[in-house]
Amino acid sequence: MEFFGISGIEWVGYAAMATVLISFLMKSVSKLRIVNSFGCLLFVFYGILLNPISIPIIITNTAIFCINLYYLLGKKKL
């Protein structure tokens, strides 16, 4: 499946890239982490869709997603 000569897998990569970039425009750190987490999940999905599967993309973005979750859910303010 192609749209404008770009494959569906590449569109997932572009969507992930745009989401991560947009996350850095957020003034609120919590919003940044939420949007960034969504971008990371898209990157994990993209890494799985690539042929061959891209382990570095999957590992890096899974780790960033877990760090975001830690700060969003686990860390309590004093």
N, C-alpha and C. Protein backbone atom coordinates (compact mmCIF):
# COMPACT_ATOMS: atom_id res chain seq x y z
N MET A 1 0.84 -1.17 0.00
CA MET A 1 0.00 0.00 0.00
C MET A 1 0.89 1.24 0.00
N GLU A 2 0.69 2.09 -0.99
CA GLU A 2 1.48 3.32 -1.08
C GLU A 2 0.56 4.52 -1.24
N PHE A 3 0.98 5.62 -0.67
CA PHE A 3 0.26 6.88 -0.78
C PHE A 3 1.30 7.96 -1.02
N PHE A 4 1.21 8.66 -2.14
CA PHE A 4 2.21 9.63 -2.56
C PHE A 4 3.58 8.98 -2.72
N GLY A 5 3.59 7.71 -3.11
CA GLY A 5 4.85 7.01 -3.32
C GLY A 5 5.55 6.58 -2.04
N ILE A 6 4.87 6.69 -0.91
CA ILE A 6 5.45 6.33 0.38
C ILE A 6 4.67 5.13 0.92
N SER A 7 5.40 4.11 1.36
CA SER A 7 4.75 2.90 1.86
C SER A 7 4.07 3.15 3.20
N GLY A 8 3.14 2.27 3.53
CA GLY A 8 2.44 2.36 4.81
C GLY A 8 3.38 2.29 5.99
N ILE A 9 4.42 1.47 5.88
CA ILE A 9 5.39 1.33 6.96
C ILE A 9 6.13 2.66 7.16
N GLU A 10 6.50 3.30 6.06
CA GLU A 10 7.19 4.59 6.17
C GLU A 10 6.28 5.65 6.79
N TRP A 11 4.98 5.60 6.48
CA TRP A 11 4.04 6.56 7.08
C TRP A 11 4.01 6.41 8.59
N VAL A 12 4.10 5.17 9.08
CA VAL A 12 4.14 4.94 10.53
C VAL A 12 5.40 5.61 11.11
N GLY A 13 6.52 5.47 10.42
CA GLY A 13 7.76 6.11 10.85
C GLY A 13 7.66 7.63 10.86
N TYR A 14 7.04 8.19 9.82
CA TYR A 14 6.86 9.65 9.76
C TYR A 14 5.92 10.14 10.86
N ALA A 15 4.87 9.36 11.13
CA ALA A 15 3.93 9.73 12.20
C ALA A 15 4.64 9.70 13.55
N ALA A 16 5.48 8.68 13.77
CA ALA A 16 6.24 8.58 15.02
C ALA A 16 7.18 9.76 15.17
N MET A 17 7.89 10.08 14.09
CA MET A 17 8.83 11.20 14.11
C MET A 17 8.12 12.51 14.43
N ALA A 18 7.00 12.74 13.76
CA ALA A 18 6.25 13.99 13.97
C ALA A 18 5.72 14.08 15.39
N THR A 19 5.25 12.97 15.93
CA THR A 19 4.72 12.95 17.30
C THR A 19 5.80 13.27 18.32
N VAL A 20 6.97 12.67 18.16
CA VAL A 20 8.07 12.94 19.09
C VAL A 20 8.51 14.40 18.97
N LEU A 21 8.61 14.91 17.75
CA LEU A 21 8.99 16.31 17.57
C LEU A 21 7.97 17.26 18.19
N ILE A 22 6.70 16.99 17.98
CA ILE A 22 5.63 17.82 18.54
C ILE A 22 5.66 17.79 20.07
N SER A 23 6.04 16.65 20.64
CA SER A 23 6.07 16.54 22.10
C SER A 23 7.00 17.58 22.72
N PHE A 24 8.06 17.95 22.03
CA PHE A 24 9.02 18.91 22.57
C PHE A 24 8.54 20.35 22.48
N LEU A 25 7.39 20.55 21.88
CA LEU A 25 6.78 21.88 21.85
C LEU A 25 5.88 22.13 23.07
N MET A 26 5.65 21.09 23.85
CA MET A 26 4.76 21.19 25.01
C MET A 26 5.45 21.96 26.14
N LYS A 27 4.69 22.86 26.76
CA LYS A 27 5.23 23.61 27.90
C LYS A 27 5.15 22.78 29.18
N SER A 28 4.13 21.97 29.29
CA SER A 28 3.94 21.12 30.46
C SER A 28 4.76 19.84 30.28
N VAL A 29 5.56 19.51 31.29
CA VAL A 29 6.38 18.31 31.23
C VAL A 29 5.50 17.06 31.18
N SER A 30 4.39 17.06 31.90
CA SER A 30 3.49 15.91 31.87
C SER A 30 2.93 15.70 30.47
N LYS A 31 2.49 16.77 29.83
CA LYS A 31 1.96 16.64 28.46
C LYS A 31 3.06 16.18 27.51
N LEU A 32 4.27 16.72 27.70
CA LEU A 32 5.40 16.30 26.87
C LEU A 32 5.59 14.79 26.99
N ARG A 33 5.58 14.28 28.21
CA ARG A 33 5.81 12.85 28.43
C ARG A 33 4.68 12.00 27.84
N ILE A 34 3.45 12.47 27.91
CA ILE A 34 2.32 11.72 27.36
C ILE A 34 2.43 11.65 25.84
N VAL A 35 2.64 12.78 25.19
CA VAL A 35 2.74 12.81 23.73
C VAL A 35 3.99 12.05 23.28
N ASN A 36 5.10 12.23 23.99
CA ASN A 36 6.32 11.53 23.67
C ASN A 36 6.15 10.02 23.79
N SER A 37 5.40 9.58 24.81
CA SER A 37 5.14 8.15 24.99
C SER A 37 4.38 7.57 23.81
N PHE A 38 3.41 8.32 23.31
CA PHE A 38 2.66 7.87 22.14
C PHE A 38 3.60 7.75 20.94
N GLY A 39 4.48 8.73 20.77
CA GLY A 39 5.47 8.67 19.69
C GLY A 39 6.40 7.47 19.83
N CYS A 40 6.80 7.18 21.06
CA CYS A 40 7.67 6.03 21.31
C CYS A 40 6.96 4.72 20.93
N LEU A 41 5.69 4.62 21.29
CA LEU A 41 4.93 3.42 20.93
C LEU A 41 4.82 3.27 19.41
N LEU A 42 4.63 4.41 18.72
CA LEU A 42 4.61 4.36 17.25
C LEU A 42 5.96 3.90 16.70
N PHE A 43 7.05 4.37 17.32
CA PHE A 43 8.38 3.94 16.88
C PHE A 43 8.60 2.45 17.14
N VAL A 44 8.09 1.93 18.25
CA VAL A 44 8.21 0.49 18.53
C VAL A 44 7.45 -0.28 17.45
N PHE A 45 6.24 0.16 17.13
CA PHE A 45 5.44 -0.47 16.09
C PHE A 45 6.17 -0.41 14.75
N TYR A 46 6.76 0.75 14.44
CA TYR A 46 7.52 0.93 13.21
C TYR A 46 8.71 -0.03 13.17
N GLY A 47 9.43 -0.15 14.27
CA GLY A 47 10.57 -1.07 14.33
C GLY A 47 10.17 -2.52 14.09
N ILE A 48 8.97 -2.88 14.55
CA ILE A 48 8.47 -4.24 14.35
C ILE A 48 8.08 -4.45 12.89
N LEU A 49 7.52 -3.41 12.27
CA LEU A 49 7.08 -3.52 10.87
C LEU A 49 8.22 -3.57 9.87
N LEU A 50 9.37 -3.01 10.24
CA LEU A 50 10.51 -2.99 9.31
C LEU A 50 10.96 -4.41 9.01
N ASN A 51 11.49 -4.58 7.82
CA ASN A 51 11.99 -5.89 7.42
C ASN A 51 13.44 -5.72 7.01
N PRO A 52 14.43 -6.21 7.75
CA PRO A 52 14.28 -6.97 8.99
C PRO A 52 13.89 -6.06 10.16
N ILE A 53 13.35 -6.69 11.18
CA ILE A 53 12.93 -5.96 12.39
C ILE A 53 14.12 -5.19 12.94
N SER A 54 13.88 -3.95 13.36
CA SER A 54 14.96 -3.10 13.86
C SER A 54 15.00 -3.13 15.40
N ILE A 55 15.85 -3.97 15.93
CA ILE A 55 15.98 -4.13 17.37
C ILE A 55 16.42 -2.83 18.06
N PRO A 56 17.39 -2.06 17.51
CA PRO A 56 17.78 -0.82 18.19
C PRO A 56 16.63 0.18 18.33
N ILE A 57 15.79 0.31 17.33
CA ILE A 57 14.64 1.22 17.41
C ILE A 57 13.67 0.74 18.48
N ILE A 58 13.43 -0.55 18.52
CA ILE A 58 12.50 -1.13 19.50
C ILE A 58 13.03 -0.96 20.92
N ILE A 59 14.29 -1.30 21.16
CA ILE A 59 14.86 -1.21 22.50
C ILE A 59 14.89 0.23 23.00
N THR A 60 15.40 1.14 22.17
CA THR A 60 15.52 2.54 22.58
C THR A 60 14.16 3.14 22.94
N ASN A 61 13.18 2.94 22.09
CA ASN A 61 11.88 3.56 22.33
C ASN A 61 11.08 2.87 23.42
N THR A 62 11.31 1.59 23.63
CA THR A 62 10.68 0.90 24.77
C THR A 62 11.26 1.46 26.07
N ALA A 63 12.58 1.68 26.10
CA ALA A 63 13.22 2.24 27.30
C ALA A 63 12.70 3.66 27.57
N ILE A 64 12.62 4.49 26.54
CA ILE A 64 12.12 5.86 26.72
C ILE A 64 10.67 5.84 27.19
N PHE A 65 9.86 4.94 26.63
CA PHE A 65 8.47 4.81 27.05
C PHE A 65 8.40 4.45 28.54
N CYS A 66 9.23 3.51 28.98
CA CYS A 66 9.24 3.10 30.40
C CYS A 66 9.68 4.25 31.31
N ILE A 67 10.65 5.03 30.87
CA ILE A 67 11.09 6.19 31.65
C ILE A 67 9.96 7.20 31.77
N ASN A 68 9.27 7.45 30.65
CA ASN A 68 8.12 8.37 30.69
C ASN A 68 7.06 7.86 31.66
N LEU A 69 6.75 6.57 31.61
CA LEU A 69 5.76 6.00 32.53
C LEU A 69 6.20 6.14 33.98
N TYR A 70 7.47 5.90 34.24
CA TYR A 70 7.99 6.03 35.59
C TYR A 70 7.70 7.43 36.14
N TYR A 71 8.03 8.44 35.34
CA TYR A 71 7.83 9.81 35.80
C TYR A 71 6.37 10.23 35.83
N LEU A 72 5.56 9.67 34.94
CA LEU A 72 4.14 10.02 34.92
C LEU A 72 3.34 9.33 36.04
N LEU A 73 3.68 8.08 36.31
CA LEU A 73 2.87 7.28 37.25
C LEU A 73 3.55 6.96 38.56
N GLY A 74 4.85 6.72 38.52
CA GLY A 74 5.52 6.20 39.69
C GLY A 74 6.14 7.21 40.62
N LYS A 75 6.63 8.28 40.09
CA LYS A 75 7.34 9.25 40.92
C LYS A 75 6.36 10.22 41.55
N LYS A 76 6.40 10.33 42.86
CA LYS A 76 5.51 11.24 43.57
C LYS A 76 6.27 12.49 43.96
N LYS A 77 5.58 13.61 43.84
CA LYS A 77 6.20 14.87 44.23
C LYS A 77 6.21 14.99 45.76
N LEU A 78 7.29 15.53 46.29
CA LEU A 78 7.42 15.71 47.74
C LEU A 78 6.84 17.03 48.16
